[in-house]
Each structure stands twice: as C-alpha cells, then as structure tokens.
PDB file of all heavy atoms in Angstrom:
ATOM      1  N   SER A   1    -154.129-240.983 -29.369  1.00  0.00           N
ATOM      2  CA  SER A   1    -153.062-242.032 -29.541  1.00  0.00           C
ATOM      3  C   SER A   1    -152.908-242.498 -30.966  1.00  0.00           C
ATOM      4  O   SER A   1    -151.758-242.692 -31.469  1.00  0.00           O
ATOM      5  CB  SER A   1    -153.451-243.252 -28.608  1.00  0.00           C
ATOM      6  OG  SER A   1    -152.538-244.294 -28.856  1.00  0.00           O
ATOM      7  N   THR A   2    -153.997-242.604 -31.633  1.00  0.00           N
ATOM      8  CA  THR A   2    -153.956-242.995 -33.069  1.00  0.00           C
ATOM      9  C   THR A   2    -153.233-241.925 -33.893  1.00  0.00           C
ATOM     10  O   THR A   2    -152.409-242.246 -34.806  1.00  0.00           O
ATOM     11  CB  THR A   2    -155.426-243.223 -33.584  1.00  0.00           C
ATOM     12  OG1 THR A   2    -156.015-244.218 -32.795  1.00  0.00           O
ATOM     13  CG2 THR A   2    -155.351-243.638 -35.045  1.00  0.00           C
ATOM     14  N   GLU A   3    -153.544-240.702 -33.661  1.00  0.00           N
ATOM     15  CA  GLU A   3    -152.915-239.605 -34.405  1.00  0.00           C
ATOM     16  C   GLU A   3    -151.423-239.575 -34.169  1.00  0.00           C
ATOM     17  O   GLU A   3    -150.599-239.367 -35.090  1.00  0.00           O
ATOM     18  CB  GLU A   3    -153.559-238.246 -34.036  1.00  0.00           C
ATOM     19  CG  GLU A   3    -154.986-238.116 -34.507  1.00  0.00           C
ATOM     20  CD  GLU A   3    -155.563-236.800 -34.069  1.00  0.00           C
ATOM     21  OE1 GLU A   3    -154.936-236.059 -33.246  1.00  0.00           O
ATOM     22  OE2 GLU A   3    -156.709-236.479 -34.532  1.00  0.00           O
ATOM     23  N   VAL A   4    -151.011-239.783 -32.856  1.00  0.00           N
ATOM     24  CA  VAL A   4    -149.565-239.776 -32.563  1.00  0.00           C
ATOM     25  C   VAL A   4    -148.846-240.877 -33.325  1.00  0.00           C
ATOM     26  O   VAL A   4    -147.758-240.739 -33.839  1.00  0.00           O
ATOM     27  CB  VAL A   4    -149.370-239.883 -31.045  1.00  0.00           C
ATOM     28  CG1 VAL A   4    -147.914-240.162 -30.701  1.00  0.00           C
ATOM     29  CG2 VAL A   4    -149.850-238.608 -30.359  1.00  0.00           C
ATOM     30  N   GLU A   5    -149.512-242.041 -33.276  1.00  0.00           N
ATOM     31  CA  GLU A   5    -148.888-243.196 -33.955  1.00  0.00           C
ATOM     32  C   GLU A   5    -148.721-242.990 -35.433  1.00  0.00           C
ATOM     33  O   GLU A   5    -147.683-243.366 -36.048  1.00  0.00           O
ATOM     34  CB  GLU A   5    -149.765-244.440 -33.673  1.00  0.00           C
ATOM     35  CG  GLU A   5    -149.125-245.741 -34.200  1.00  0.00           C
ATOM     36  CD  GLU A   5    -150.010-246.918 -33.836  1.00  0.00           C
ATOM     37  OE1 GLU A   5    -151.037-246.828 -33.133  1.00  0.00           O
ATOM     38  OE2 GLU A   5    -149.686-248.055 -34.359  1.00  0.00           O
ATOM     39  N   GLN A   6    -149.717-242.361 -36.036  1.00  0.00           N
ATOM     40  CA  GLN A   6    -149.671-242.103 -37.478  1.00  0.00           C
ATOM     41  C   GLN A   6    -148.477-241.142 -37.826  1.00  0.00           C
ATOM     42  O   GLN A   6    -147.789-241.273 -38.830  1.00  0.00           O
ATOM     43  CB  GLN A   6    -150.995-241.543 -37.944  1.00  0.00           C
ATOM     44  CG  GLN A   6    -152.101-242.558 -37.976  1.00  0.00           C
ATOM     45  CD  GLN A   6    -153.411-241.935 -38.344  1.00  0.00           C
ATOM     46  OE1 GLN A   6    -153.569-240.695 -38.464  1.00  0.00           O
ATOM     47  NE2 GLN A   6    -154.456-242.803 -38.611  1.00  0.00           N
ATOM     48  N   VAL A   7    -148.349-240.100 -36.984  1.00  0.00           N
ATOM     49  CA  VAL A   7    -147.290-239.086 -37.233  1.00  0.00           C
ATOM     50  C   VAL A   7    -145.942-239.722 -37.095  1.00  0.00           C
ATOM     51  O   VAL A   7    -144.967-239.441 -37.845  1.00  0.00           O
ATOM     52  CB  VAL A   7    -147.455-237.877 -36.299  1.00  0.00           C
ATOM     53  CG1 VAL A   7    -146.211-236.988 -36.351  1.00  0.00           C
ATOM     54  CG2 VAL A   7    -148.729-237.105 -36.634  1.00  0.00           C
ATOM     55  N   LEU A   8    -145.759-240.601 -36.102  1.00  0.00           N
ATOM     56  CA  LEU A   8    -144.482-241.261 -35.851  1.00  0.00           C
ATOM     57  C   LEU A   8    -144.106-242.203 -36.964  1.00  0.00           C
ATOM     58  O   LEU A   8    -142.896-242.374 -37.282  1.00  0.00           O
ATOM     59  CB  LEU A   8    -144.526-242.011 -34.532  1.00  0.00           C
ATOM     60  CG  LEU A   8    -144.513-241.132 -33.235  1.00  0.00           C
ATOM     61  CD1 LEU A   8    -144.670-242.038 -32.027  1.00  0.00           C
ATOM     62  CD2 LEU A   8    -143.284-240.309 -33.134  1.00  0.00           C
ATOM     63  N   GLN A   9    -145.037-242.793 -37.597  1.00  0.00           N
ATOM     64  CA  GLN A   9    -144.763-243.670 -38.649  1.00  0.00           C
ATOM     65  C   GLN A   9    -144.572-243.004 -40.004  1.00  0.00           C
ATOM     66  O   GLN A   9    -144.138-243.586 -40.985  1.00  0.00           O
ATOM     67  CB  GLN A   9    -145.944-244.716 -38.786  1.00  0.00           C
ATOM     68  CG  GLN A   9    -146.051-245.686 -37.588  1.00  0.00           C
ATOM     69  CD  GLN A   9    -147.222-246.638 -37.722  1.00  0.00           C
ATOM     70  OE1 GLN A   9    -148.032-246.495 -38.674  1.00  0.00           O
ATOM     71  NE2 GLN A   9    -147.312-247.508 -36.737  1.00  0.00           N
ATOM     72  N   SER A  10    -144.875-241.726 -40.105  1.00  0.00           N
ATOM     73  CA  SER A  10    -144.778-240.985 -41.347  1.00  0.00           C
ATOM     74  C   SER A  10    -143.259-240.553 -41.579  1.00  0.00           C
ATOM     75  O   SER A  10    -142.546-240.251 -40.652  1.00  0.00           O
ATOM     76  CB  SER A  10    -145.646-239.703 -41.314  1.00  0.00           C
ATOM     77  OG  SER A  10    -145.400-238.893 -42.450  1.00  0.00           O
ATOM     78  N   GLU A  11    -142.870-240.565 -42.871  1.00  0.00           N
ATOM     79  CA  GLU A  11    -141.547-240.141 -43.222  1.00  0.00           C
ATOM     80  C   GLU A  11    -141.476-238.637 -43.573  1.00  0.00           C
ATOM     81  O   GLU A  11    -140.416-238.109 -43.945  1.00  0.00           O
ATOM     82  CB  GLU A  11    -141.111-240.925 -44.452  1.00  0.00           C
ATOM     83  CG  GLU A  11    -140.956-242.451 -44.191  1.00  0.00           C
ATOM     84  CD  GLU A  11    -139.856-242.766 -43.198  1.00  0.00           C
ATOM     85  OE1 GLU A  11    -138.910-241.967 -43.115  1.00  0.00           O
ATOM     86  OE2 GLU A  11    -139.978-243.811 -42.489  1.00  0.00           O
ATOM     87  N   ASP A  12    -142.664-238.047 -43.410  1.00  0.00           N
ATOM     88  CA  ASP A  12    -142.752-236.614 -43.735  1.00  0.00           C
ATOM     89  C   ASP A  12    -142.320-235.832 -42.496  1.00  0.00           C
ATOM     90  O   ASP A  12    -143.100-235.617 -41.570  1.00  0.00           O
ATOM     91  CB  ASP A  12    -144.207-236.267 -44.133  1.00  0.00           C
ATOM     92  CG  ASP A  12    -144.341-234.848 -44.638  1.00  0.00           C
ATOM     93  OD1 ASP A  12    -143.361-234.025 -44.525  1.00  0.00           O
ATOM     94  OD2 ASP A  12    -145.410-234.503 -45.150  1.00  0.00           O
ATOM     95  N   HIS A  13    -141.064-235.358 -42.518  1.00  0.00           N
ATOM     96  CA  HIS A  13    -140.549-234.659 -41.367  1.00  0.00           C
ATOM     97  C   HIS A  13    -141.252-233.330 -41.105  1.00  0.00           C
ATOM     98  O   HIS A  13    -141.449-232.901 -40.001  1.00  0.00           O
ATOM     99  CB  HIS A  13    -139.019-234.396 -41.565  1.00  0.00           C
ATOM    100  CG  HIS A  13    -138.251-235.651 -41.787  1.00  0.00           C
ATOM    101  ND1 HIS A  13    -138.160-236.649 -40.862  1.00  0.00           N
ATOM    102  CD2 HIS A  13    -137.530-236.075 -42.855  1.00  0.00           C
ATOM    103  CE1 HIS A  13    -137.411-237.661 -41.319  1.00  0.00           C
ATOM    104  NE2 HIS A  13    -137.030-237.292 -42.572  1.00  0.00           N
ATOM    105  N   LEU A  14    -141.628-232.667 -42.219  1.00  0.00           N
ATOM    106  CA  LEU A  14    -142.299-231.384 -42.043  1.00  0.00           C
ATOM    107  C   LEU A  14    -143.674-231.560 -41.403  1.00  0.00           C
ATOM    108  O   LEU A  14    -144.049-230.726 -40.543  1.00  0.00           O
ATOM    109  CB  LEU A  14    -142.461-230.760 -43.475  1.00  0.00           C
ATOM    110  CG  LEU A  14    -143.193-229.413 -43.495  1.00  0.00           C
ATOM    111  CD1 LEU A  14    -142.374-228.356 -42.663  1.00  0.00           C
ATOM    112  CD2 LEU A  14    -143.400-228.886 -44.910  1.00  0.00           C
ATOM    113  N   HIS A  15    -144.357-232.656 -41.693  1.00  0.00           N
ATOM    114  CA  HIS A  15    -145.661-232.915 -41.102  1.00  0.00           C
ATOM    115  C   HIS A  15    -145.557-233.150 -39.612  1.00  0.00           C
ATOM    116  O   HIS A  15    -146.356-232.688 -38.811  1.00  0.00           O
ATOM    117  CB  HIS A  15    -146.323-234.160 -41.770  1.00  0.00           C
ATOM    118  CG  HIS A  15    -147.683-234.528 -41.237  1.00  0.00           C
ATOM    119  ND1 HIS A  15    -148.772-233.661 -41.352  1.00  0.00           N
ATOM    120  CD2 HIS A  15    -148.109-235.570 -40.512  1.00  0.00           C
ATOM    121  CE1 HIS A  15    -149.816-234.222 -40.811  1.00  0.00           C
ATOM    122  NE2 HIS A  15    -149.414-235.407 -40.239  1.00  0.00           N
ATOM    123  N   LEU A  16    -144.525-233.833 -39.198  1.00  0.00           N
ATOM    124  CA  LEU A  16    -144.287-234.066 -37.729  1.00  0.00           C
ATOM    125  C   LEU A  16    -144.063-232.769 -37.025  1.00  0.00           C
ATOM    126  O   LEU A  16    -144.620-232.556 -35.909  1.00  0.00           O
ATOM    127  CB  LEU A  16    -143.118-234.981 -37.606  1.00  0.00           C
ATOM    128  CG  LEU A  16    -142.783-235.448 -36.127  1.00  0.00           C
ATOM    129  CD1 LEU A  16    -142.232-236.863 -36.110  1.00  0.00           C
ATOM    130  CD2 LEU A  16    -141.840-234.503 -35.419  1.00  0.00           C
ATOM    131  N   LEU A  17    -143.232-231.891 -37.641  1.00  0.00           N
ATOM    132  CA  LEU A  17    -142.983-230.653 -36.965  1.00  0.00           C
ATOM    133  C   LEU A  17    -144.232-229.792 -36.872  1.00  0.00           C
ATOM    134  O   LEU A  17    -144.430-229.055 -35.873  1.00  0.00           O
ATOM    135  CB  LEU A  17    -141.888-229.880 -37.716  1.00  0.00           C
ATOM    136  CG  LEU A  17    -140.487-230.513 -37.741  1.00  0.00           C
ATOM    137  CD1 LEU A  17    -139.558-229.757 -38.688  1.00  0.00           C
ATOM    138  CD2 LEU A  17    -139.965-230.585 -36.291  1.00  0.00           C
ATOM    139  N   GLN A  18    -145.070-229.890 -37.855  1.00  0.00           N
ATOM    140  CA  GLN A  18    -146.315-229.074 -37.855  1.00  0.00           C
ATOM    141  C   GLN A  18    -147.332-229.633 -36.764  1.00  0.00           C
ATOM    142  O   GLN A  18    -148.022-228.807 -36.166  1.00  0.00           O
ATOM    143  CB  GLN A  18    -146.978-229.098 -39.251  1.00  0.00           C
ATOM    144  CG  GLN A  18    -146.168-228.346 -40.265  1.00  0.00           C
ATOM    145  CD  GLN A  18    -146.756-228.515 -41.630  1.00  0.00           C
ATOM    146  OE1 GLN A  18    -147.576-229.421 -41.895  1.00  0.00           O
ATOM    147  NE2 GLN A  18    -146.357-227.621 -42.570  1.00  0.00           N
ATOM    148  N   ARG A  19    -147.365-230.892 -36.564  1.00  0.00           N
ATOM    149  CA  ARG A  19    -148.366-231.475 -35.623  1.00  0.00           C
ATOM    150  C   ARG A  19    -147.781-231.619 -34.196  1.00  0.00           C
ATOM    151  O   ARG A  19    -148.549-231.984 -33.293  1.00  0.00           O
ATOM    152  CB  ARG A  19    -148.767-232.897 -36.123  1.00  0.00           C
ATOM    153  CG  ARG A  19    -149.511-232.887 -37.392  1.00  0.00           C
ATOM    154  CD  ARG A  19    -150.826-232.198 -37.310  1.00  0.00           C
ATOM    155  NE  ARG A  19    -151.690-232.679 -36.234  1.00  0.00           N
ATOM    156  CZ  ARG A  19    -152.472-233.766 -36.334  1.00  0.00           C
ATOM    157  NH1 ARG A  19    -152.511-234.431 -37.438  1.00  0.00           N
ATOM    158  NH2 ARG A  19    -153.166-234.182 -35.285  1.00  0.00           N
ATOM    159  N   PHE A  20    -146.529-231.445 -34.000  1.00  0.00           N
ATOM    160  CA  PHE A  20    -145.917-231.680 -32.727  1.00  0.00           C
ATOM    161  C   PHE A  20    -146.583-230.948 -31.583  1.00  0.00           C
ATOM    162  O   PHE A  20    -146.885-231.433 -30.496  1.00  0.00           O
ATOM    163  CB  PHE A  20    -144.417-231.353 -32.797  1.00  0.00           C
ATOM    164  CG  PHE A  20    -143.757-231.500 -31.471  1.00  0.00           C
ATOM    165  CD1 PHE A  20    -143.404-232.729 -30.945  1.00  0.00           C
ATOM    166  CD2 PHE A  20    -143.461-230.339 -30.690  1.00  0.00           C
ATOM    167  CE1 PHE A  20    -142.792-232.790 -29.702  1.00  0.00           C
ATOM    168  CE2 PHE A  20    -142.866-230.434 -29.470  1.00  0.00           C
ATOM    169  CZ  PHE A  20    -142.521-231.687 -28.946  1.00  0.00           C
ATOM    170  N   THR A  21    -146.772-229.672 -31.836  1.00  0.00           N
ATOM    171  CA  THR A  21    -147.336-228.785 -30.755  1.00  0.00           C
ATOM    172  C   THR A  21    -148.723-229.268 -30.259  1.00  0.00           C
ATOM    173  O   THR A  21    -148.996-229.361 -29.075  1.00  0.00           O
ATOM    174  CB  THR A  21    -147.450-227.348 -31.185  1.00  0.00           C
ATOM    175  OG1 THR A  21    -146.099-226.942 -31.581  1.00  0.00           O
ATOM    176  CG2 THR A  21    -147.928-226.428 -30.082  1.00  0.00           C
ATOM    177  N   SER A  22    -149.593-229.537 -31.222  1.00  0.00           N
ATOM    178  CA  SER A  22    -150.992-229.983 -30.859  1.00  0.00           C
ATOM    179  C   SER A  22    -151.002-231.360 -30.246  1.00  0.00           C
ATOM    180  O   SER A  22    -151.753-231.628 -29.320  1.00  0.00           O
ATOM    181  CB  SER A  22    -151.897-229.890 -32.090  1.00  0.00           C
ATOM    182  OG  SER A  22    -151.377-230.776 -33.129  1.00  0.00           O
ATOM    183  N   LEU A  23    -150.141-232.243 -30.806  1.00  0.00           N
ATOM    184  CA  LEU A  23    -150.153-233.596 -30.296  1.00  0.00           C
ATOM    185  C   LEU A  23    -149.463-233.742 -28.954  1.00  0.00           C
ATOM    186  O   LEU A  23    -149.788-234.612 -28.102  1.00  0.00           O
ATOM    187  CB  LEU A  23    -149.538-234.538 -31.271  1.00  0.00           C
ATOM    188  CG  LEU A  23    -150.287-234.779 -32.587  1.00  0.00           C
ATOM    189  CD1 LEU A  23    -149.465-235.655 -33.565  1.00  0.00           C
ATOM    190  CD2 LEU A  23    -151.679-235.367 -32.338  1.00  0.00           C
ATOM    191  N   ASN A  24    -148.494-232.888 -28.656  1.00  0.00           N
ATOM    192  CA  ASN A  24    -147.704-233.014 -27.423  1.00  0.00           C
ATOM    193  C   ASN A  24    -148.384-232.314 -26.251  1.00  0.00           C
ATOM    194  O   ASN A  24    -148.014-232.450 -25.095  1.00  0.00           O
ATOM    195  CB  ASN A  24    -146.333-232.457 -27.644  1.00  0.00           C
ATOM    196  CG  ASN A  24    -145.395-232.892 -26.511  1.00  0.00           C
ATOM    197  OD1 ASN A  24    -145.405-233.998 -26.088  1.00  0.00           O
ATOM    198  ND2 ASN A  24    -144.591-231.986 -26.035  1.00  0.00           N
ATOM    199  N   ALA A  25    -149.478-231.493 -26.501  1.00  0.00           N
ATOM    200  CA  ALA A  25    -150.180-230.794 -25.437  1.00  0.00           C
ATOM    201  C   ALA A  25    -150.931-231.831 -24.581  1.00  0.00           C
ATOM    202  O   ALA A  25    -151.342-232.885 -25.026  1.00  0.00           O
ATOM    203  CB  ALA A  25    -151.114-229.767 -26.046  1.00  0.00           C
ATOM    204  N   ALA A  26    -151.165-231.416 -23.346  1.00  0.00           N
ATOM    205  CA  ALA A  26    -151.912-232.283 -22.411  1.00  0.00           C
ATOM    206  C   ALA A  26    -153.355-232.551 -22.932  1.00  0.00           C
ATOM    207  O   ALA A  26    -153.993-231.558 -23.303  1.00  0.00           O
ATOM    208  CB  ALA A  26    -151.947-231.655 -21.033  1.00  0.00           C
ATOM    209  N   PRO A  27    -153.814-233.723 -22.927  1.00  0.00           N
ATOM    210  CA  PRO A  27    -155.168-234.023 -23.359  1.00  0.00           C
ATOM    211  C   PRO A  27    -156.243-233.410 -22.504  1.00  0.00           C
ATOM    212  O   PRO A  27    -156.014-233.232 -21.265  1.00  0.00           O
ATOM    213  CB  PRO A  27    -155.212-235.566 -23.342  1.00  0.00           C
ATOM    214  CG  PRO A  27    -154.221-235.969 -22.354  1.00  0.00           C
ATOM    215  CD  PRO A  27    -153.108-234.943 -22.400  1.00  0.00           C
ATOM    216  N   PRO A  28    -157.355-233.100 -23.038  1.00  0.00           N
ATOM    217  CA  PRO A  28    -158.442-232.420 -22.245  1.00  0.00           C
ATOM    218  C   PRO A  28    -159.168-233.475 -21.351  1.00  0.00           C
ATOM    219  O   PRO A  28    -160.265-233.952 -21.644  1.00  0.00           O
ATOM    220  CB  PRO A  28    -159.397-231.897 -23.337  1.00  0.00           C
ATOM    221  CG  PRO A  28    -159.194-232.878 -24.483  1.00  0.00           C
ATOM    222  CD  PRO A  28    -157.743-233.276 -24.448  1.00  0.00           C
ATOM    223  N   THR A  29    -158.546-233.820 -20.223  1.00  0.00           N
ATOM    224  CA  THR A  29    -159.079-234.834 -19.327  1.00  0.00           C
ATOM    225  C   THR A  29    -159.187-234.300 -17.908  1.00  0.00           C
ATOM    226  O   THR A  29    -158.667-233.236 -17.587  1.00  0.00           O
ATOM    227  CB  THR A  29    -158.220-236.068 -19.305  1.00  0.00           C
ATOM    228  OG1 THR A  29    -156.858-235.668 -18.946  1.00  0.00           O
ATOM    229  CG2 THR A  29    -158.157-236.777 -20.672  1.00  0.00           C
ATOM    230  N   LYS A  30    -159.853-235.032 -17.034  1.00  0.00           N
ATOM    231  CA  LYS A  30    -160.176-234.675 -15.670  1.00  0.00           C
ATOM    232  C   LYS A  30    -159.213-235.456 -14.791  1.00  0.00           C
ATOM    233  O   LYS A  30    -158.838-236.574 -15.066  1.00  0.00           O
ATOM    234  CB  LYS A  30    -161.611-235.010 -15.338  1.00  0.00           C
ATOM    235  CG  LYS A  30    -162.032-234.677 -13.938  1.00  0.00           C
ATOM    236  CD  LYS A  30    -163.548-235.006 -13.839  1.00  0.00           C
ATOM    237  CE  LYS A  30    -164.070-234.739 -12.435  1.00  0.00           C
ATOM    238  NZ  LYS A  30    -165.512-235.101 -12.318  1.00  0.00           N
ATOM    239  N   ASP A  31    -158.873-234.878 -13.640  1.00  0.00           N
ATOM    240  CA  ASP A  31    -158.083-235.521 -12.624  1.00  0.00           C
ATOM    241  C   ASP A  31    -158.980-236.447 -11.774  1.00  0.00           C
ATOM    242  O   ASP A  31    -159.754-235.974 -10.990  1.00  0.00           O
ATOM    243  CB  ASP A  31    -157.327-234.494 -11.757  1.00  0.00           C
ATOM    244  CG  ASP A  31    -156.422-235.221 -10.748  1.00  0.00           C
ATOM    245  OD1 ASP A  31    -156.277-236.451 -10.854  1.00  0.00           O
ATOM    246  OD2 ASP A  31    -155.900-234.516  -9.871  1.00  0.00           O
ATOM    247  N   TRP A  32    -158.880-237.722 -12.013  1.00  0.00           N
ATOM    248  CA  TRP A  32    -159.770-238.692 -11.319  1.00  0.00           C
ATOM    249  C   TRP A  32    -159.175-239.281 -10.019  1.00  0.00           C
ATOM    250  O   TRP A  32    -159.771-240.151  -9.415  1.00  0.00           O
ATOM    251  CB  TRP A  32    -160.066-239.886 -12.294  1.00  0.00           C
ATOM    252  CG  TRP A  32    -160.928-239.425 -13.482  1.00  0.00           C
ATOM    253  CD1 TRP A  32    -160.454-239.014 -14.698  1.00  0.00           C
ATOM    254  CD2 TRP A  32    -162.316-239.352 -13.513  1.00  0.00           C
ATOM    255  NE1 TRP A  32    -161.503-238.688 -15.536  1.00  0.00           N
ATOM    256  CE2 TRP A  32    -162.671-238.875 -14.819  1.00  0.00           C
ATOM    257  CE3 TRP A  32    -163.318-239.554 -12.584  1.00  0.00           C
ATOM    258  CZ2 TRP A  32    -164.019-238.634 -15.193  1.00  0.00           C
ATOM    259  CZ3 TRP A  32    -164.653-239.353 -12.992  1.00  0.00           C
ATOM    260  CH2 TRP A  32    -164.948-238.878 -14.268  1.00  0.00           C
ATOM    261  N   THR A  33    -158.065-238.774  -9.603  1.00  0.00           N
ATOM    262  CA  THR A  33    -157.445-239.424  -8.448  1.00  0.00           C
ATOM    263  C   THR A  33    -158.274-239.262  -7.162  1.00  0.00           C
ATOM    264  O   THR A  33    -158.208-240.081  -6.268  1.00  0.00           O
ATOM    265  CB  THR A  33    -156.025-238.777  -8.208  1.00  0.00           C
ATOM    266  OG1 THR A  33    -156.183-237.339  -8.127  1.00  0.00           O
ATOM    267  CG2 THR A  33    -155.127-239.100  -9.409  1.00  0.00           C
ATOM    268  N   GLN A  34    -158.989-238.150  -7.050  1.00  0.00           N
ATOM    269  CA  GLN A  34    -159.789-237.907  -5.839  1.00  0.00           C
ATOM    270  C   GLN A  34    -161.245-238.344  -5.982  1.00  0.00           C
ATOM    271  O   GLN A  34    -162.020-238.251  -5.015  1.00  0.00           O
ATOM    272  CB  GLN A  34    -159.805-236.418  -5.531  1.00  0.00           C
ATOM    273  CG  GLN A  34    -158.437-235.837  -5.350  1.00  0.00           C
ATOM    274  CD  GLN A  34    -157.669-236.507  -4.193  1.00  0.00           C
ATOM    275  OE1 GLN A  34    -158.307-236.799  -3.163  1.00  0.00           O
ATOM    276  NE2 GLN A  34    -156.401-236.772  -4.368  1.00  0.00           N
ATOM    277  N   VAL A  35    -161.568-238.882  -7.205  1.00  0.00           N
ATOM    278  CA  VAL A  35    -162.937-239.342  -7.388  1.00  0.00           C
ATOM    279  C   VAL A  35    -163.093-240.818  -6.955  1.00  0.00           C
ATOM    280  O   VAL A  35    -162.338-241.669  -7.429  1.00  0.00           O
ATOM    281  CB  VAL A  35    -163.347-239.206  -8.860  1.00  0.00           C
ATOM    282  CG1 VAL A  35    -164.762-239.794  -9.072  1.00  0.00           C
ATOM    283  CG2 VAL A  35    -163.280-237.776  -9.291  1.00  0.00           C
ATOM    284  N   THR A  36    -163.996-241.065  -6.035  1.00  0.00           N
ATOM    285  CA  THR A  36    -164.296-242.434  -5.551  1.00  0.00           C
ATOM    286  C   THR A  36    -165.776-242.624  -5.435  1.00  0.00           C
ATOM    287  O   THR A  36    -166.547-241.720  -5.283  1.00  0.00           O
ATOM    288  CB  THR A  36    -163.671-242.700  -4.184  1.00  0.00           C
ATOM    289  OG1 THR A  36    -164.206-241.739  -3.243  1.00  0.00           O
ATOM    290  CG2 THR A  36    -162.095-242.550  -4.220  1.00  0.00           C
ATOM    291  N   VAL A  37    -166.132-243.865  -5.532  1.00  0.00           N
ATOM    292  CA  VAL A  37    -167.562-244.309  -5.324  1.00  0.00           C
ATOM    293  C   VAL A  37    -167.552-245.273  -4.164  1.00  0.00           C
ATOM    294  O   VAL A  37    -166.986-246.379  -4.320  1.00  0.00           O
ATOM    295  CB  VAL A  37    -168.118-244.901  -6.621  1.00  0.00           C
ATOM    296  CG1 VAL A  37    -169.581-245.472  -6.337  1.00  0.00           C
ATOM    297  CG2 VAL A  37    -168.137-243.950  -7.728  1.00  0.00           C
ATOM    298  N   ARG A  38    -168.132-244.897  -3.089  1.00  0.00           N
ATOM    299  CA  ARG A  38    -168.201-245.733  -1.913  1.00  0.00           C
ATOM    300  C   ARG A  38    -169.581-246.419  -1.809  1.00  0.00           C
ATOM    301  O   ARG A  38    -170.627-245.728  -1.742  1.00  0.00           O
ATOM    302  CB  ARG A  38    -167.922-244.923  -0.636  1.00  0.00           C
ATOM    303  CG  ARG A  38    -166.577-244.286  -0.594  1.00  0.00           C
ATOM    304  CD  ARG A  38    -166.408-243.474   0.665  1.00  0.00           C
ATOM    305  NE  ARG A  38    -165.057-242.884   0.699  1.00  0.00           N
ATOM    306  CZ  ARG A  38    -164.656-242.054   1.664  1.00  0.00           C
ATOM    307  NH1 ARG A  38    -165.537-241.711   2.656  1.00  0.00           N
ATOM    308  NH2 ARG A  38    -163.431-241.556   1.648  1.00  0.00           N
TER     309      ARG A  38
END
C-alpha cells in the first residue's frame, strides 16, 4: 500500500509505467474466508 501511494504521488510518468505491472498484481496472500476458529 505504501509503494502504491508513493507511485501515485510521483510526477514521474515513466516510473509509474515501470512499476504498474508489479504493483497491480495480486498480493501473495491466503484466502481466509473458510478459515474459522471454533
């Protein structure tokens, strides 16, 4: 989130285009919807 915010605030258009692919990819997280603790 911090990296995305920094890119959005930058006036360097070329830098945004270079980081777009890596920042827009799905984050390495787990699907927690089925995880419960009873």
